[in-house]
Amino acid sequence: MTVPSSHFAPVWPISRAQPQETQANSKKPTPMDCSRFSVEVEDDLGEPGGKEEMTEVRISFFDEYHVQVGFAIVLFCNITRAMVKRRGGFHSMVERSSDAFERLARVVFDDRAKIQRRFRCEGNRLWGPEVTTEQVAFLEHLEVGPEFQGMGVGSWFVRQVWLGDGFANVPKAPFLFVRPAPLVSTDSSASIADSLAHRSQTTSRLRSFYRKTGFRRVGSMDYFSLAKDPGHPSRRSPENEDWKLQNQEE
């Protein structure tokens, strides 16, 4: 599974240029035993002053033989409302962050660093004033190596690493946001119609993946969020009842 990438580049032990299986001989991959997986955490604080406001963290995961099977990049927002009052607005404070996070900030939060009021009465009405910018993380990129896709690694990261308590070295936040969307295609030979169809199908699969791991849509926007608190209304909302965009999702 992938979401828009930051500047980190993945390093895989096996070449990505492996031939794809044909539909005739392909079969569903066997789930991996992730119980002995380990994680390594690396901070990238970006420009001077970034440590105060934003922290970008790369979380790499390895199997029991220390072969890297995937990684995630999470951007943590450390902006408090007191900082916003002192410095004149939340939106101007995130202008130096990644384009993806700045878009999240402007779409989901108002300039006072509060979640926009309309989300209390939009969609399934799952999100409210409990969501503040000083408690928010954004999953900017999640990728599993091509040889390990479809084996439960992405689900393991969300359910065991992020929601679980067994990885003390991994920083957490009460709310993890994501915008399920495929990476921009670099295949210049594909027609516009084929590219749009591929993007639509991939986005649908990504939304399904995130819903299955506990994420729920924020209002009627294309952002989803995962609450760490199992008692949060979003964690009690059934996957098949999550809000879907009219004419865009089955």
C-alpha atoms as a PDB file:
ATOM      1  CA  MET A   1       0.000   0.000   0.000  1.00  0.00           C
ATOM      2  CA  THR A   2       1.284   3.460  -0.793  1.00  0.00           C
ATOM      3  CA  VAL A   3       0.258   7.002  -0.079  1.00  0.00           C
ATOM      4  CA  PRO A   4       1.986  10.145  -1.389  1.00  0.00           C
ATOM      5  CA  SER A   5       5.738   9.990  -0.853  1.00  0.00           C
ATOM      6  CA  SER A   6       8.118  12.381   0.866  1.00  0.00           C
ATOM      7  CA  HIS A   7      11.817  12.730   0.058  1.00  0.00           C
ATOM      8  CA  PHE A   8      12.865   9.426   1.657  1.00  0.00           C
ATOM      9  CA  ALA A   9      13.705   6.687  -0.844  1.00  0.00           C
ATOM     10  CA  PRO A  10      12.947   3.025  -0.095  1.00  0.00           C
ATOM     11  CA  VAL A  11      15.749   0.462  -0.131  1.00  0.00           C
ATOM     12  CA  TRP A  12      14.657  -3.083  -0.935  1.00  0.00           C
ATOM     13  CA  PRO A  13      16.826  -6.212  -0.707  1.00  0.00           C
ATOM     14  CA  ILE A  14      15.353  -7.609  -3.929  1.00  0.00           C
ATOM     15  CA  SER A  15      15.036  -5.792  -7.240  1.00  0.00           C
ATOM     16  CA  ARG A  16      11.679  -4.190  -8.020  1.00  0.00           C
ATOM     17  CA  ALA A  17      12.090  -5.168 -11.673  1.00  0.00           C
ATOM     18  CA  GLN A  18      10.669  -8.640 -11.126  1.00  0.00           C
ATOM     19  CA  PRO A  19       8.195  -9.827 -13.779  1.00  0.00           C
ATOM     20  CA  GLN A  20       4.574  -9.707 -12.681  1.00  0.00           C
ATOM     21  CA  GLU A  21       2.694 -12.975 -12.383  1.00  0.00           C
ATOM     22  CA  THR A  22       0.076 -13.542 -15.019  1.00  0.00           C
ATOM     23  CA  GLN A  23      -3.538 -13.813 -13.964  1.00  0.00           C
ATOM     24  CA  ALA A  24      -3.537 -17.494 -14.867  1.00  0.00           C
ATOM     25  CA  ASN A  25      -0.741 -18.532 -12.495  1.00  0.00           C
ATOM     26  CA  SER A  26      -1.150 -15.902  -9.770  1.00  0.00           C
ATOM     27  CA  LYS A  27      -2.427 -16.886  -6.355  1.00  0.00           C
ATOM     28  CA  LYS A  28      -3.179 -15.150  -3.100  1.00  0.00           C
ATOM     29  CA  PRO A  29       0.031 -14.649  -1.079  1.00  0.00           C
ATOM     30  CA  THR A  30       0.445 -16.530   2.180  1.00  0.00           C
ATOM     31  CA  PRO A  31       0.204 -14.200   5.211  1.00  0.00           C
ATOM     32  CA  MET A  32       3.544 -13.537   6.908  1.00  0.00           C
ATOM     33  CA  ASP A  33       4.216 -14.269  10.559  1.00  0.00           C
ATOM     34  CA  CYS A  34       4.952 -10.731  11.742  1.00  0.00           C
ATOM     35  CA  SER A  35       5.293 -11.627  15.427  1.00  0.00           C
ATOM     36  CA  ARG A  36       9.101 -11.476  15.254  1.00  0.00           C
ATOM     37  CA  PHE A  37       9.324  -8.304  13.183  1.00  0.00           C
ATOM     38  CA  SER A  38      11.368  -5.366  14.461  1.00  0.00           C
ATOM     39  CA  VAL A  39      11.274  -1.639  13.728  1.00  0.00           C
ATOM     40  CA  GLU A  40      13.860   1.118  13.444  1.00  0.00           C
ATOM     41  CA  VAL A  41      13.004   4.803  13.840  1.00  0.00           C
ATOM     42  CA  GLU A  42      14.789   7.747  12.206  1.00  0.00           C
ATOM     43  CA  ASP A  43      13.949  11.442  12.658  1.00  0.00           C
ATOM     44  CA  ASP A  44      14.350  14.066   9.962  1.00  0.00           C
ATOM     45  CA  LEU A  45      13.699  17.484  11.440  1.00  0.00           C
ATOM     46  CA  GLY A  46      14.008  19.383   8.182  1.00  0.00           C
ATOM     47  CA  GLU A  47      14.696  23.127   8.137  1.00  0.00           C
ATOM     48  CA  PRO A  48      15.848  25.122  11.171  1.00  0.00           C
ATOM     49  CA  GLY A  49      12.939  25.612  13.532  1.00  0.00           C
ATOM     50  CA  GLY A  50      11.206  22.492  12.259  1.00  0.00           C
ATOM     51  CA  LYS A  51      11.753  20.636  15.503  1.00  0.00           C
ATOM     52  CA  GLU A  52       9.498  23.108  17.285  1.00  0.00           C
ATOM     53  CA  GLU A  53       6.599  22.734  14.876  1.00  0.00           C
ATOM     54  CA  MET A  54       6.895  19.540  12.839  1.00  0.00           C
ATOM     55  CA  THR A  55       8.777  16.275  13.124  1.00  0.00           C
ATOM     56  CA  GLU A  56       9.067  13.808  10.250  1.00  0.00           C
ATOM     57  CA  VAL A  57       9.748  10.230  11.295  1.00  0.00           C
ATOM     58  CA  ARG A  58      10.670   7.241   9.153  1.00  0.00           C
ATOM     59  CA  ILE A  59       9.648   3.885  10.634  1.00  0.00           C
ATOM     60  CA  SER A  60      11.293   0.926   8.887  1.00  0.00           C
ATOM     61  CA  PHE A  61      10.182  -2.651   9.537  1.00  0.00           C
ATOM     62  CA  PHE A  62      12.272  -5.809   9.232  1.00  0.00           C
ATOM     63  CA  ASP A  63      11.613  -9.533   9.387  1.00  0.00           C
ATOM     64  CA  GLU A  64      13.405 -11.910  11.792  1.00  0.00           C
ATOM     65  CA  TYR A  65      16.394 -12.077   9.400  1.00  0.00           C
ATOM     66  CA  HIS A  66      16.609  -8.262   9.392  1.00  0.00           C
ATOM     67  CA  VAL A  67      15.424  -8.027   5.805  1.00  0.00           C
ATOM     68  CA  GLN A  68      13.531  -4.786   5.286  1.00  0.00           C
ATOM     69  CA  VAL A  69       9.937  -5.513   4.319  1.00  0.00           C
ATOM     70  CA  GLY A  70       8.481  -2.008   4.387  1.00  0.00           C
ATOM     71  CA  PHE A  71       8.519   1.471   5.871  1.00  0.00           C
ATOM     72  CA  ALA A  72       6.243   4.331   6.850  1.00  0.00           C
ATOM     73  CA  ILE A  73       6.823   8.067   6.999  1.00  0.00           C
ATOM     74  CA  VAL A  74       4.783   9.912   9.597  1.00  0.00           C
ATOM     75  CA  LEU A  75       4.685  13.680  10.054  1.00  0.00           C
ATOM     76  CA  PHE A  76       3.931  14.810  13.607  1.00  0.00           C
ATOM     77  CA  CYS A  77       2.387  18.214  14.263  1.00  0.00           C
ATOM     78  CA  ASN A  78       3.742  19.825  17.427  1.00  0.00           C
ATOM     79  CA  ILE A  79       1.818  23.076  17.078  1.00  0.00           C
ATOM     80  CA  THR A  80      -0.177  24.068  20.160  1.00  0.00           C
ATOM     81  CA  ARG A  81      -2.980  26.616  20.228  1.00  0.00           C
ATOM     82  CA  ALA A  82      -0.814  28.868  22.421  1.00  0.00           C
ATOM     83  CA  MET A  83       1.809  28.909  19.640  1.00  0.00           C
ATOM     84  CA  VAL A  84      -0.881  29.777  17.097  1.00  0.00           C
ATOM     85  CA  LYS A  85      -2.053  32.752  19.165  1.00  0.00           C
ATOM     86  CA  ARG A  86       1.499  34.044  19.516  1.00  0.00           C
ATOM     87  CA  ARG A  87       2.388  33.681  15.848  1.00  0.00           C
ATOM     88  CA  GLY A  88      -0.777  34.739  14.064  1.00  0.00           C
ATOM     89  CA  GLY A  89      -2.535  31.712  12.616  1.00  0.00           C
ATOM     90  CA  PHE A  90      -2.160  27.980  12.099  1.00  0.00           C
ATOM     91  CA  HIS A  91      -2.223  27.987   8.302  1.00  0.00           C
ATOM     92  CA  SER A  92       0.732  30.346   7.962  1.00  0.00           C
ATOM     93  CA  MET A  93       2.712  28.192  10.405  1.00  0.00           C
ATOM     94  CA  VAL A  94       2.487  25.069   8.215  1.00  0.00           C
ATOM     95  CA  GLU A  95       3.593  26.722   4.982  1.00  0.00           C
ATOM     96  CA  ARG A  96       7.106  25.281   5.386  1.00  0.00           C
ATOM     97  CA  SER A  97       5.791  21.740   5.884  1.00  0.00           C
ATOM     98  CA  SER A  98       5.217  19.208   3.108  1.00  0.00           C
ATOM     99  CA  ASP A  99       2.595  20.053   0.483  1.00  0.00           C
ATOM    100  CA  ALA A 100       0.568  17.050   1.621  1.00  0.00           C
ATOM    101  CA  PHE A 101       0.454  18.179   5.247  1.00  0.00           C
ATOM    102  CA  GLU A 102      -0.268  21.795   4.342  1.00  0.00           C
ATOM    103  CA  ARG A 103      -3.266  20.604   2.338  1.00  0.00           C
ATOM    104  CA  LEU A 104      -4.481  18.518   5.288  1.00  0.00           C
ATOM    105  CA  ALA A 105      -4.073  21.519   7.592  1.00  0.00           C
ATOM    106  CA  ARG A 106      -6.090  23.825   5.366  1.00  0.00           C
ATOM    107  CA  VAL A 107      -8.848  21.326   4.555  1.00  0.00           C
ATOM    108  CA  VAL A 108      -9.424  19.783   7.997  1.00  0.00           C
ATOM    109  CA  PHE A 109      -8.422  22.539  10.453  1.00  0.00           C
ATOM    110  CA  ASP A 110      -9.308  26.212  10.752  1.00  0.00           C
ATOM    111  CA  ASP A 111      -6.733  28.958  11.275  1.00  0.00           C
ATOM    112  CA  ARG A 112      -7.094  28.638  15.064  1.00  0.00           C
ATOM    113  CA  ALA A 113      -5.822  25.035  14.888  1.00  0.00           C
ATOM    114  CA  LYS A 114      -9.255  23.560  15.623  1.00  0.00           C
ATOM    115  CA  ILE A 115     -10.966  20.909  13.509  1.00  0.00           C
ATOM    116  CA  GLN A 116     -13.492  22.626  11.282  1.00  0.00           C
ATOM    117  CA  ARG A 117     -16.978  22.778  12.800  1.00  0.00           C
ATOM    118  CA  ARG A 118     -18.705  21.335   9.743  1.00  0.00           C
ATOM    119  CA  PHE A 119     -17.220  17.890  10.400  1.00  0.00           C
ATOM    120  CA  ARG A 120     -19.450  17.604  13.477  1.00  0.00           C
ATOM    121  CA  CYS A 121     -22.505  17.427  11.219  1.00  0.00           C
ATOM    122  CA  GLU A 122     -21.003  16.065   7.986  1.00  0.00           C
ATOM    123  CA  GLY A 123     -20.667  12.438   6.915  1.00  0.00           C
ATOM    124  CA  ASN A 124     -21.032  10.064   9.867  1.00  0.00           C
ATOM    125  CA  ARG A 125     -20.334  12.832  12.431  1.00  0.00           C
ATOM    126  CA  LEU A 126     -17.478  10.970  14.075  1.00  0.00           C
ATOM    127  CA  TRP A 127     -14.995  13.796  14.629  1.00  0.00           C
ATOM    128  CA  GLY A 128     -15.225  16.819  16.906  1.00  0.00           C
ATOM    129  CA  PRO A 129     -13.303  19.201  19.180  1.00  0.00           C
ATOM    130  CA  GLU A 130     -11.296  16.320  20.707  1.00  0.00           C
ATOM    131  CA  VAL A 131      -9.121  16.442  17.550  1.00  0.00           C
ATOM    132  CA  THR A 132      -6.523  19.204  18.006  1.00  0.00           C
ATOM    133  CA  THR A 133      -3.383  19.925  16.005  1.00  0.00           C
ATOM    134  CA  GLU A 134      -1.075  19.221  18.948  1.00  0.00           C
ATOM    135  CA  GLN A 135      -2.338  15.618  18.911  1.00  0.00           C
ATOM    136  CA  VAL A 136      -2.240  14.915  15.187  1.00  0.00           C
ATOM    137  CA  ALA A 137       0.052  12.819  12.981  1.00  0.00           C
ATOM    138  CA  PHE A 138      -0.137  12.423   9.211  1.00  0.00           C
ATOM    139  CA  LEU A 139       0.770   9.164   7.463  1.00  0.00           C
ATOM    140  CA  GLU A 140       2.530  10.636   4.473  1.00  0.00           C
ATOM    141  CA  HIS A 141       3.825   7.364   3.047  1.00  0.00           C
ATOM    142  CA  LEU A 142       3.299   3.667   3.709  1.00  0.00           C
ATOM    143  CA  GLU A 143       5.022   1.160   1.470  1.00  0.00           C
ATOM    144  CA  VAL A 144       5.570  -2.581   1.559  1.00  0.00           C
ATOM    145  CA  GLY A 145       8.256  -4.147  -0.601  1.00  0.00           C
ATOM    146  CA  PRO A 146       6.899  -5.748  -3.773  1.00  0.00           C
ATOM    147  CA  GLU A 147       7.915  -9.249  -2.652  1.00  0.00           C
ATOM    148  CA  PHE A 148       5.918  -8.872   0.583  1.00  0.00           C
ATOM    149  CA  GLN A 149       2.722  -7.211  -0.593  1.00  0.00           C
ATOM    150  CA  GLY A 150      -0.600  -8.841   0.209  1.00  0.00           C
ATOM    151  CA  MET A 151       0.907 -10.722   3.195  1.00  0.00           C
ATOM    152  CA  GLY A 152      -0.504  -8.593   6.012  1.00  0.00           C
ATOM    153  CA  VAL A 153       2.523  -6.356   6.590  1.00  0.00           C
ATOM    154  CA  GLY A 154       0.595  -3.086   6.170  1.00  0.00           C
ATOM    155  CA  SER A 155      -2.141  -4.263   8.536  1.00  0.00           C
ATOM    156  CA  TRP A 156       0.517  -5.342  11.045  1.00  0.00           C
ATOM    157  CA  PHE A 157       2.026  -1.852  11.008  1.00  0.00           C
ATOM    158  CA  VAL A 158      -1.307  -0.180  11.742  1.00  0.00           C
ATOM    159  CA  ARG A 159      -2.674  -2.665  14.286  1.00  0.00           C
ATOM    160  CA  GLN A 160       0.462  -3.750  16.115  1.00  0.00           C
ATOM    161  CA  VAL A 161       3.020  -0.972  15.693  1.00  0.00           C
ATOM    162  CA  TRP A 162       0.752   2.090  15.734  1.00  0.00           C
ATOM    163  CA  LEU A 163      -2.170   0.927  17.867  1.00  0.00           C
ATOM    164  CA  GLY A 164      -0.248  -1.600  19.949  1.00  0.00           C
ATOM    165  CA  ASP A 165       1.896  -0.987  23.018  1.00  0.00           C
ATOM    166  CA  GLY A 166       4.820  -3.260  22.166  1.00  0.00           C
ATOM    167  CA  PHE A 167       7.010  -0.779  20.254  1.00  0.00           C
ATOM    168  CA  ALA A 168       8.080   1.875  22.759  1.00  0.00           C
ATOM    169  CA  ASN A 169      10.591   3.413  20.333  1.00  0.00           C
ATOM    170  CA  VAL A 170       7.832   4.416  17.889  1.00  0.00           C
ATOM    171  CA  PRO A 171       6.328   7.863  18.601  1.00  0.00           C
ATOM    172  CA  LYS A 172       2.524   7.929  18.613  1.00  0.00           C
ATOM    173  CA  ALA A 173      -0.312  10.456  18.479  1.00  0.00           C
ATOM    174  CA  PRO A 174      -3.977  10.139  19.463  1.00  0.00           C
ATOM    175  CA  PHE A 175      -5.076  10.671  15.843  1.00  0.00           C
ATOM    176  CA  LEU A 176      -3.395   9.477  12.642  1.00  0.00           C
ATOM    177  CA  PHE A 177      -4.616  11.025   9.376  1.00  0.00           C
ATOM    178  CA  VAL A 178      -4.139   9.724   5.849  1.00  0.00           C
ATOM    179  CA  ARG A 179      -5.327  10.639   2.359  1.00  0.00           C
ATOM    180  CA  PRO A 180      -5.650   7.343   0.452  1.00  0.00           C
ATOM    181  CA  ALA A 181      -4.334   8.018  -3.043  1.00  0.00           C
ATOM    182  CA  PRO A 182      -1.845   6.302  -5.363  1.00  0.00           C
ATOM    183  CA  LEU A 183       1.517   7.752  -6.286  1.00  0.00           C
ATOM    184  CA  VAL A 184       1.583   9.772  -9.496  1.00  0.00           C
ATOM    185  CA  SER A 185       2.179   7.429 -12.423  1.00  0.00           C
ATOM    186  CA  THR A 186       5.351   7.831 -14.475  1.00  0.00           C
ATOM    187  CA  ASP A 187       4.136   5.571 -17.303  1.00  0.00           C
ATOM    188  CA  SER A 188       4.029   7.936 -20.285  1.00  0.00           C
ATOM    189  CA  SER A 189       2.724   5.164 -22.584  1.00  0.00           C
ATOM    190  CA  ALA A 190      -0.596   4.859 -20.736  1.00  0.00           C
ATOM    191  CA  SER A 191      -3.586   6.712 -22.150  1.00  0.00           C
ATOM    192  CA  ILE A 192      -5.370   9.322 -20.059  1.00  0.00           C
ATOM    193  CA  ALA A 193      -8.404   7.028 -19.761  1.00  0.00           C
ATOM    194  CA  ASP A 194      -6.253   4.094 -18.619  1.00  0.00           C
ATOM    195  CA  SER A 195      -4.380   6.280 -16.124  1.00  0.00           C
ATOM    196  CA  LEU A 196      -7.622   7.606 -14.643  1.00  0.00           C
ATOM    197  CA  ALA A 197      -9.091   4.100 -14.425  1.00  0.00           C
ATOM    198  CA  HIS A 198      -5.958   2.788 -12.727  1.00  0.00           C
ATOM    199  CA  ARG A 199      -5.947   5.683 -10.263  1.00  0.00           C
ATOM    200  CA  SER A 200      -9.619   5.123  -9.428  1.00  0.00           C
ATOM    201  CA  GLN A 201      -9.132   1.386  -8.848  1.00  0.00           C
ATOM    202  CA  THR A 202      -6.025   1.926  -6.723  1.00  0.00           C
ATOM    203  CA  THR A 203      -7.716   4.613  -4.630  1.00  0.00           C
ATOM    204  CA  SER A 204     -10.648   2.273  -4.019  1.00  0.00           C
ATOM    205  CA  ARG A 205      -8.305  -0.504  -2.825  1.00  0.00           C
ATOM    206  CA  LEU A 206      -6.448   1.908  -0.556  1.00  0.00           C
ATOM    207  CA  ARG A 207      -9.669   3.155   1.021  1.00  0.00           C
ATOM    208  CA  SER A 208     -10.747  -0.422   1.608  1.00  0.00           C
ATOM    209  CA  PHE A 209      -7.399  -1.238   3.260  1.00  0.00           C
ATOM    210  CA  TYR A 210      -7.531   1.736   5.605  1.00  0.00           C
ATOM    211  CA  ARG A 211     -11.145   1.086   6.549  1.00  0.00           C
ATOM    212  CA  LYS A 212     -10.316  -2.532   7.409  1.00  0.00           C
ATOM    213  CA  THR A 213      -7.531  -1.372   9.734  1.00  0.00           C
ATOM    214  CA  GLY A 214      -9.768   1.075  11.618  1.00  0.00           C
ATOM    215  CA  PHE A 215      -9.582   4.366   9.727  1.00  0.00           C
ATOM    216  CA  ARG A 216     -12.822   6.256   9.112  1.00  0.00           C
ATOM    217  CA  ARG A 217     -13.609   9.144   6.772  1.00  0.00           C
ATOM    218  CA  VAL A 218     -13.452  12.682   8.110  1.00  0.00           C
ATOM    219  CA  GLY A 219     -16.810  14.215   7.196  1.00  0.00           C
ATOM    220  CA  SER A 220     -17.268  13.900   3.440  1.00  0.00           C
ATOM    221  CA  MET A 221     -13.651  14.737   2.592  1.00  0.00           C
ATOM    222  CA  ASP A 222     -11.029  12.448   1.051  1.00  0.00           C
ATOM    223  CA  TYR A 223      -9.164  12.261   4.373  1.00  0.00           C
ATOM    224  CA  PHE A 224      -9.450   9.381   6.841  1.00  0.00           C
ATOM    225  CA  SER A 225      -8.357   9.267  10.468  1.00  0.00           C
ATOM    226  CA  LEU A 226      -7.553   6.559  13.004  1.00  0.00           C
ATOM    227  CA  ALA A 227      -8.205   7.191  16.703  1.00  0.00           C
ATOM    228  CA  LYS A 228      -5.835   5.438  19.105  1.00  0.00           C
ATOM    229  CA  ASP A 229      -8.508   5.411  21.823  1.00  0.00           C
ATOM    230  CA  PRO A 230     -10.644   2.254  21.349  1.00  0.00           C
ATOM    231  CA  GLY A 231     -13.546   4.115  22.957  1.00  0.00           C
ATOM    232  CA  HIS A 232     -13.619   6.847  20.328  1.00  0.00           C
ATOM    233  CA  PRO A 233     -16.875   6.863  18.247  1.00  0.00           C
ATOM    234  CA  SER A 234     -14.919   6.170  15.056  1.00  0.00           C
ATOM    235  CA  ARG A 235     -13.561   2.907  16.509  1.00  0.00           C
ATOM    236  CA  ARG A 236     -17.110   1.720  17.189  1.00  0.00           C
ATOM    237  CA  SER A 237     -18.353   2.629  13.704  1.00  0.00           C
ATOM    238  CA  PRO A 238     -18.682  -0.471  11.431  1.00  0.00           C
ATOM    239  CA  GLU A 239     -16.454  -0.576   8.386  1.00  0.00           C
ATOM    240  CA  ASN A 240     -19.363  -1.144   5.999  1.00  0.00           C
ATOM    241  CA  GLU A 241     -21.194   1.904   7.355  1.00  0.00           C
ATOM    242  CA  ASP A 242     -18.374   4.378   6.767  1.00  0.00           C
ATOM    243  CA  TRP A 243     -19.363   7.410   4.711  1.00  0.00           C
ATOM    244  CA  LYS A 244     -18.792   6.994   0.984  1.00  0.00           C
ATOM    245  CA  LEU A 245     -18.615   9.654  -1.684  1.00  0.00           C
ATOM    246  CA  GLN A 246     -21.613   9.596  -3.997  1.00  0.00           C
ATOM    247  CA  ASN A 247     -20.814   8.318  -7.521  1.00  0.00           C
ATOM    248  CA  GLN A 248     -17.161   7.716  -6.534  1.00  0.00           C
ATOM    249  CA  GLU A 249     -17.362   4.573  -4.414  1.00  0.00           C
ATOM    250  CA  GLU A 250     -19.393   1.407  -4.655  1.00  0.00           C
END
